[in-house]
Each structure stands twice: as structure tokens, then as C-alpha cells.
N, C-alpha and C. Protein backbone atom coordinates (compact mmCIF):
# COMPACT_ATOMS: atom_id res chain seq x y z
N MET A 1 -9.54 0.46 28.16
CA MET A 1 -8.60 -0.44 28.78
C MET A 1 -7.63 0.38 29.63
N ILE A 2 -7.18 1.51 29.11
CA ILE A 2 -6.25 2.35 29.86
C ILE A 2 -6.94 2.93 31.09
N ILE A 3 -8.19 3.34 30.95
CA ILE A 3 -8.93 3.91 32.08
C ILE A 3 -9.11 2.86 33.18
N LEU A 4 -9.43 1.64 32.81
CA LEU A 4 -9.58 0.58 33.81
C LEU A 4 -8.26 0.27 34.50
N ALA A 5 -7.17 0.39 33.77
CA ALA A 5 -5.86 0.11 34.37
C ALA A 5 -5.47 1.19 35.37
N LEU A 6 -6.02 2.37 35.26
CA LEU A 6 -5.68 3.46 36.17
C LEU A 6 -6.50 3.45 37.46
N ILE A 7 -7.53 2.65 37.54
CA ILE A 7 -8.34 2.59 38.76
C ILE A 7 -7.51 1.94 39.86
N PRO A 8 -7.34 2.61 41.00
CA PRO A 8 -6.47 2.09 42.05
C PRO A 8 -6.91 0.75 42.63
N GLY A 9 -8.20 0.49 42.71
CA GLY A 9 -8.66 -0.76 43.30
C GLY A 9 -8.41 -1.97 42.42
N LEU A 10 -8.12 -1.76 41.15
CA LEU A 10 -7.91 -2.89 40.24
C LEU A 10 -6.45 -3.22 40.02
N ARG A 11 -5.58 -2.57 40.78
CA ARG A 11 -4.16 -2.86 40.63
C ARG A 11 -3.81 -4.06 41.51
N GLY A 12 -2.81 -4.76 41.06
CA GLY A 12 -2.34 -5.91 41.82
C GLY A 12 -2.45 -7.18 41.00
N SER A 13 -1.78 -8.20 41.48
CA SER A 13 -1.73 -9.47 40.75
C SER A 13 -3.06 -10.20 40.78
N GLN A 14 -3.83 -9.95 41.82
CA GLN A 14 -5.11 -10.63 41.96
C GLN A 14 -6.10 -10.18 40.88
N HIS A 15 -6.08 -8.92 40.57
CA HIS A 15 -7.01 -8.40 39.58
C HIS A 15 -6.44 -8.44 38.16
N ALA A 16 -5.18 -8.71 38.01
CA ALA A 16 -4.55 -8.70 36.68
C ALA A 16 -5.12 -9.80 35.79
N GLN A 17 -5.31 -10.99 36.35
CA GLN A 17 -5.86 -12.08 35.54
C GLN A 17 -7.31 -11.80 35.16
N THR A 18 -8.09 -11.30 36.08
CA THR A 18 -9.49 -10.98 35.79
C THR A 18 -9.57 -9.88 34.74
N PHE A 19 -8.72 -8.87 34.90
CA PHE A 19 -8.69 -7.76 33.95
C PHE A 19 -8.32 -8.26 32.55
N ALA A 20 -7.32 -9.13 32.46
CA ALA A 20 -6.90 -9.67 31.17
C ALA A 20 -8.01 -10.51 30.55
N LEU A 21 -8.71 -11.28 31.38
CA LEU A 21 -9.81 -12.11 30.87
C LEU A 21 -10.96 -11.24 30.34
N VAL A 22 -11.34 -10.21 31.10
CA VAL A 22 -12.43 -9.34 30.68
C VAL A 22 -12.06 -8.59 29.40
N MET A 23 -10.84 -8.10 29.33
CA MET A 23 -10.42 -7.38 28.13
C MET A 23 -10.33 -8.30 26.92
N GLY A 24 -9.90 -9.54 27.12
CA GLY A 24 -9.86 -10.51 26.01
C GLY A 24 -11.25 -10.81 25.48
N ILE A 25 -12.21 -10.98 26.39
CA ILE A 25 -13.59 -11.24 25.97
C ILE A 25 -14.16 -10.03 25.25
N ALA A 26 -13.90 -8.83 25.77
CA ALA A 26 -14.40 -7.61 25.14
C ALA A 26 -13.81 -7.42 23.75
N ARG A 27 -12.52 -7.69 23.62
CA ARG A 27 -11.86 -7.55 22.31
C ARG A 27 -12.44 -8.53 21.30
N ARG A 28 -12.69 -9.75 21.73
CA ARG A 28 -13.27 -10.74 20.81
C ARG A 28 -14.71 -10.40 20.45
N ALA A 29 -15.46 -9.86 21.40
CA ALA A 29 -16.85 -9.48 21.12
C ALA A 29 -16.90 -8.33 20.11
N VAL A 30 -16.05 -7.33 20.29
CA VAL A 30 -16.02 -6.22 19.35
C VAL A 30 -15.55 -6.70 17.98
N GLY A 31 -14.56 -7.56 17.94
CA GLY A 31 -14.09 -8.11 16.67
C GLY A 31 -15.18 -8.90 15.96
N PHE A 32 -15.96 -9.65 16.72
CA PHE A 32 -17.06 -10.42 16.13
C PHE A 32 -18.12 -9.49 15.53
N ILE A 33 -18.48 -8.45 16.27
CA ILE A 33 -19.50 -7.52 15.79
C ILE A 33 -19.02 -6.81 14.53
N VAL A 34 -17.78 -6.39 14.50
CA VAL A 34 -17.24 -5.71 13.31
C VAL A 34 -17.23 -6.66 12.12
N GLU A 35 -16.85 -7.91 12.36
CA GLU A 35 -16.81 -8.88 11.26
C GLU A 35 -18.21 -9.18 10.73
N VAL A 36 -19.19 -9.26 11.62
CA VAL A 36 -20.56 -9.53 11.20
C VAL A 36 -21.09 -8.38 10.35
N LEU A 37 -20.69 -7.15 10.65
CA LEU A 37 -21.18 -6.01 9.89
C LEU A 37 -20.43 -5.80 8.58
N ILE A 38 -19.16 -6.11 8.54
CA ILE A 38 -18.34 -5.82 7.35
C ILE A 38 -18.39 -6.94 6.31
N THR A 39 -18.51 -8.17 6.72
CA THR A 39 -18.48 -9.29 5.77
C THR A 39 -19.58 -9.19 4.71
N PRO A 40 -20.83 -8.91 5.04
CA PRO A 40 -21.84 -8.78 3.98
C PRO A 40 -21.56 -7.61 3.04
N ILE A 41 -21.09 -6.51 3.57
CA ILE A 41 -20.78 -5.36 2.72
C ILE A 41 -19.66 -5.70 1.75
N TYR A 42 -18.67 -6.42 2.20
CA TYR A 42 -17.57 -6.85 1.34
C TYR A 42 -18.09 -7.75 0.22
N GLY A 43 -18.98 -8.69 0.57
CA GLY A 43 -19.54 -9.59 -0.44
C GLY A 43 -20.37 -8.86 -1.47
N ILE A 44 -21.17 -7.89 -1.01
CA ILE A 44 -22.00 -7.11 -1.92
C ILE A 44 -21.12 -6.30 -2.87
N GLY A 45 -20.09 -5.67 -2.33
CA GLY A 45 -19.19 -4.87 -3.16
C GLY A 45 -18.47 -5.73 -4.18
N LEU A 46 -18.03 -6.89 -3.78
CA LEU A 46 -17.33 -7.79 -4.69
C LEU A 46 -18.27 -8.27 -5.81
N THR A 47 -19.52 -8.55 -5.48
CA THR A 47 -20.50 -8.96 -6.48
C THR A 47 -20.77 -7.85 -7.48
N LEU A 48 -20.94 -6.62 -6.98
CA LEU A 48 -21.17 -5.49 -7.88
C LEU A 48 -19.98 -5.26 -8.80
N LEU A 49 -18.79 -5.38 -8.26
CA LEU A 49 -17.58 -5.22 -9.08
C LEU A 49 -17.51 -6.29 -10.17
N TYR A 50 -17.86 -7.52 -9.82
CA TYR A 50 -17.84 -8.62 -10.78
C TYR A 50 -18.81 -8.34 -11.93
N TYR A 51 -20.06 -7.98 -11.60
CA TYR A 51 -21.04 -7.74 -12.65
C TYR A 51 -20.69 -6.52 -13.49
N ASP A 52 -20.13 -5.49 -12.87
CA ASP A 52 -19.71 -4.32 -13.64
C ASP A 52 -18.63 -4.69 -14.65
N GLN A 53 -17.65 -5.44 -14.22
CA GLN A 53 -16.57 -5.84 -15.13
C GLN A 53 -17.09 -6.77 -16.22
N ARG A 54 -18.01 -7.64 -15.87
CA ARG A 54 -18.55 -8.57 -16.88
C ARG A 54 -19.37 -7.82 -17.92
N ILE A 55 -20.17 -6.86 -17.50
CA ILE A 55 -20.97 -6.07 -18.44
C ILE A 55 -20.05 -5.29 -19.37
N ARG A 56 -19.01 -4.70 -18.82
CA ARG A 56 -18.08 -3.93 -19.67
C ARG A 56 -17.32 -4.84 -20.63
N LEU A 57 -16.90 -6.00 -20.16
CA LEU A 57 -16.11 -6.91 -20.99
C LEU A 57 -16.95 -7.50 -22.12
N GLU A 58 -18.17 -7.91 -21.81
CA GLU A 58 -19.01 -8.58 -22.80
C GLU A 58 -19.86 -7.62 -23.61
N GLY A 59 -19.81 -6.34 -23.30
CA GLY A 59 -20.50 -5.35 -24.10
C GLY A 59 -22.00 -5.36 -23.93
N TYR A 60 -22.48 -5.55 -22.73
CA TYR A 60 -23.91 -5.57 -22.49
C TYR A 60 -24.45 -4.19 -22.09
N ASP A 61 -23.75 -3.16 -22.44
CA ASP A 61 -24.19 -1.82 -22.12
C ASP A 61 -25.37 -1.47 -23.03
N ILE A 62 -26.52 -1.27 -22.45
CA ILE A 62 -27.76 -1.10 -23.22
C ILE A 62 -27.71 0.15 -24.09
N GLU A 63 -27.22 1.24 -23.56
CA GLU A 63 -27.18 2.47 -24.36
C GLU A 63 -26.29 2.32 -25.57
N ARG A 64 -25.15 1.68 -25.39
CA ARG A 64 -24.24 1.48 -26.52
C ARG A 64 -24.85 0.53 -27.54
N MET A 65 -25.52 -0.50 -27.07
CA MET A 65 -26.16 -1.44 -27.99
C MET A 65 -27.27 -0.74 -28.79
N MET A 66 -28.01 0.17 -28.13
CA MET A 66 -29.06 0.90 -28.84
C MET A 66 -28.47 1.83 -29.89
N GLU A 67 -27.37 2.48 -29.58
CA GLU A 67 -26.72 3.37 -30.55
C GLU A 67 -26.21 2.59 -31.75
N GLU A 68 -25.62 1.42 -31.50
CA GLU A 68 -25.12 0.60 -32.59
C GLU A 68 -26.25 0.10 -33.48
N ALA A 69 -27.43 -0.12 -32.90
CA ALA A 69 -28.57 -0.60 -33.68
C ALA A 69 -29.34 0.53 -34.32
N GLY A 70 -28.95 1.77 -34.04
CA GLY A 70 -29.64 2.91 -34.62
C GLY A 70 -30.94 3.24 -33.92
N MET A 71 -31.06 2.85 -32.70
CA MET A 71 -32.30 3.08 -31.96
C MET A 71 -32.12 4.25 -30.99
N THR A 72 -32.02 5.44 -31.54
CA THR A 72 -31.88 6.63 -30.71
C THR A 72 -33.17 7.43 -30.72
N ALA A 73 -34.30 6.74 -30.74
CA ALA A 73 -35.60 7.39 -30.84
C ALA A 73 -35.94 8.18 -29.59
N SER A 74 -35.45 7.78 -28.45
CA SER A 74 -35.80 8.47 -27.22
C SER A 74 -35.30 9.91 -27.25
N LEU A 75 -34.22 10.19 -27.90
CA LEU A 75 -33.72 11.55 -28.00
C LEU A 75 -34.63 12.39 -28.89
N ASN A 76 -35.17 11.80 -29.95
CA ASN A 76 -36.08 12.51 -30.83
C ASN A 76 -37.41 12.83 -30.14
N LEU A 77 -37.87 11.93 -29.30
CA LEU A 77 -39.13 12.16 -28.60
C LEU A 77 -39.00 13.32 -27.61
N LEU A 78 -37.84 13.47 -27.02
CA LEU A 78 -37.64 14.56 -26.08
C LEU A 78 -37.66 15.91 -26.76
N SER A 79 -37.25 15.96 -28.00
CA SER A 79 -37.23 17.24 -28.71
C SER A 79 -38.57 17.59 -29.33
N GLY A 80 -39.56 16.72 -29.21
CA GLY A 80 -40.89 17.02 -29.73
C GLY A 80 -41.19 16.34 -31.04
N ASP A 81 -40.24 15.68 -31.66
CA ASP A 81 -40.49 14.98 -32.92
C ASP A 81 -41.29 13.72 -32.64
N SER A 82 -42.04 13.30 -33.60
CA SER A 82 -42.83 12.09 -33.45
C SER A 82 -42.25 11.00 -34.34
N LEU A 83 -42.37 9.77 -33.87
CA LEU A 83 -41.89 8.65 -34.67
C LEU A 83 -42.88 8.28 -35.76
N ILE A 84 -44.14 8.62 -35.56
CA ILE A 84 -45.19 8.27 -36.52
C ILE A 84 -45.51 9.51 -37.36
N ALA A 85 -45.47 9.33 -38.67
CA ALA A 85 -45.77 10.44 -39.57
C ALA A 85 -47.26 10.75 -39.51
N PRO A 86 -47.62 12.00 -39.54
CA PRO A 86 -49.05 12.32 -39.49
C PRO A 86 -49.74 11.81 -40.75
N VAL A 87 -50.96 11.35 -40.57
CA VAL A 87 -51.74 10.80 -41.67
C VAL A 87 -52.48 11.96 -42.35
N ALA A 88 -52.28 12.04 -43.67
CA ALA A 88 -52.97 13.09 -44.42
C ALA A 88 -54.40 12.66 -44.68
N GLU A 89 -55.31 13.59 -44.47
CA GLU A 89 -56.71 13.27 -44.70
C GLU A 89 -56.99 13.31 -46.20
N GLU A 90 -57.83 12.39 -46.64
CA GLU A 90 -58.23 12.36 -48.06
C GLU A 90 -59.29 13.40 -48.30
N PRO A 91 -59.24 14.04 -49.43
CA PRO A 91 -60.28 15.05 -49.72
C PRO A 91 -61.63 14.37 -49.90
N ARG A 92 -62.65 15.01 -49.42
CA ARG A 92 -64.01 14.46 -49.53
C ARG A 92 -64.67 14.98 -50.79
N PRO A 93 -65.39 14.12 -51.45
CA PRO A 93 -66.06 14.58 -52.69
C PRO A 93 -67.23 15.45 -52.48
């Protein structure tokens, strides 16, 4: 806008109205594009925040629920322990 105002051929009352009209349209177009890009991101962020708070409030954290139920078997499997006891073979006669 400043660069266009410095152009010598665009000075004067005749070009002032046209300049104001073009700049108004450009400002509204840029505002529209920014709003179109930001509004979905805002909605997505708000939804994620809502679900995060709801999960924390209602205690739907899966890892914590597994610990409370005593289901920490995945840690034992990583260390090489087995959940199933080996079957002893019966002696053959």
C-alpha cells in the first residue's frame, strides 16, 4: 500500500478513490483467505482440547486403567518372561 502511494502517477484526487477501493478489496480478500485457513485449525484444536480434558476428567486413560486392573503383562513380555508356564513333559514308561 505504501509503495503504491509513492508512485507519482497515482497521486491526486482522481486516483485516490480508485486506490482506496482497490486497497479495500485487497484487504477484504486477504482477510477472507486468512479466515478460511484459520477457522478449521481453531475448530480442530478446540475439539482436541475438549476430548483431552474429558479423558482426564473421566479417567479413561488406558494405561492407568490397566495398572489399576493389574494388567502390566506387556512389561513382562518385553523382558523375556512368558505369561504361559511351560508344560512339563510326562515321563514315558
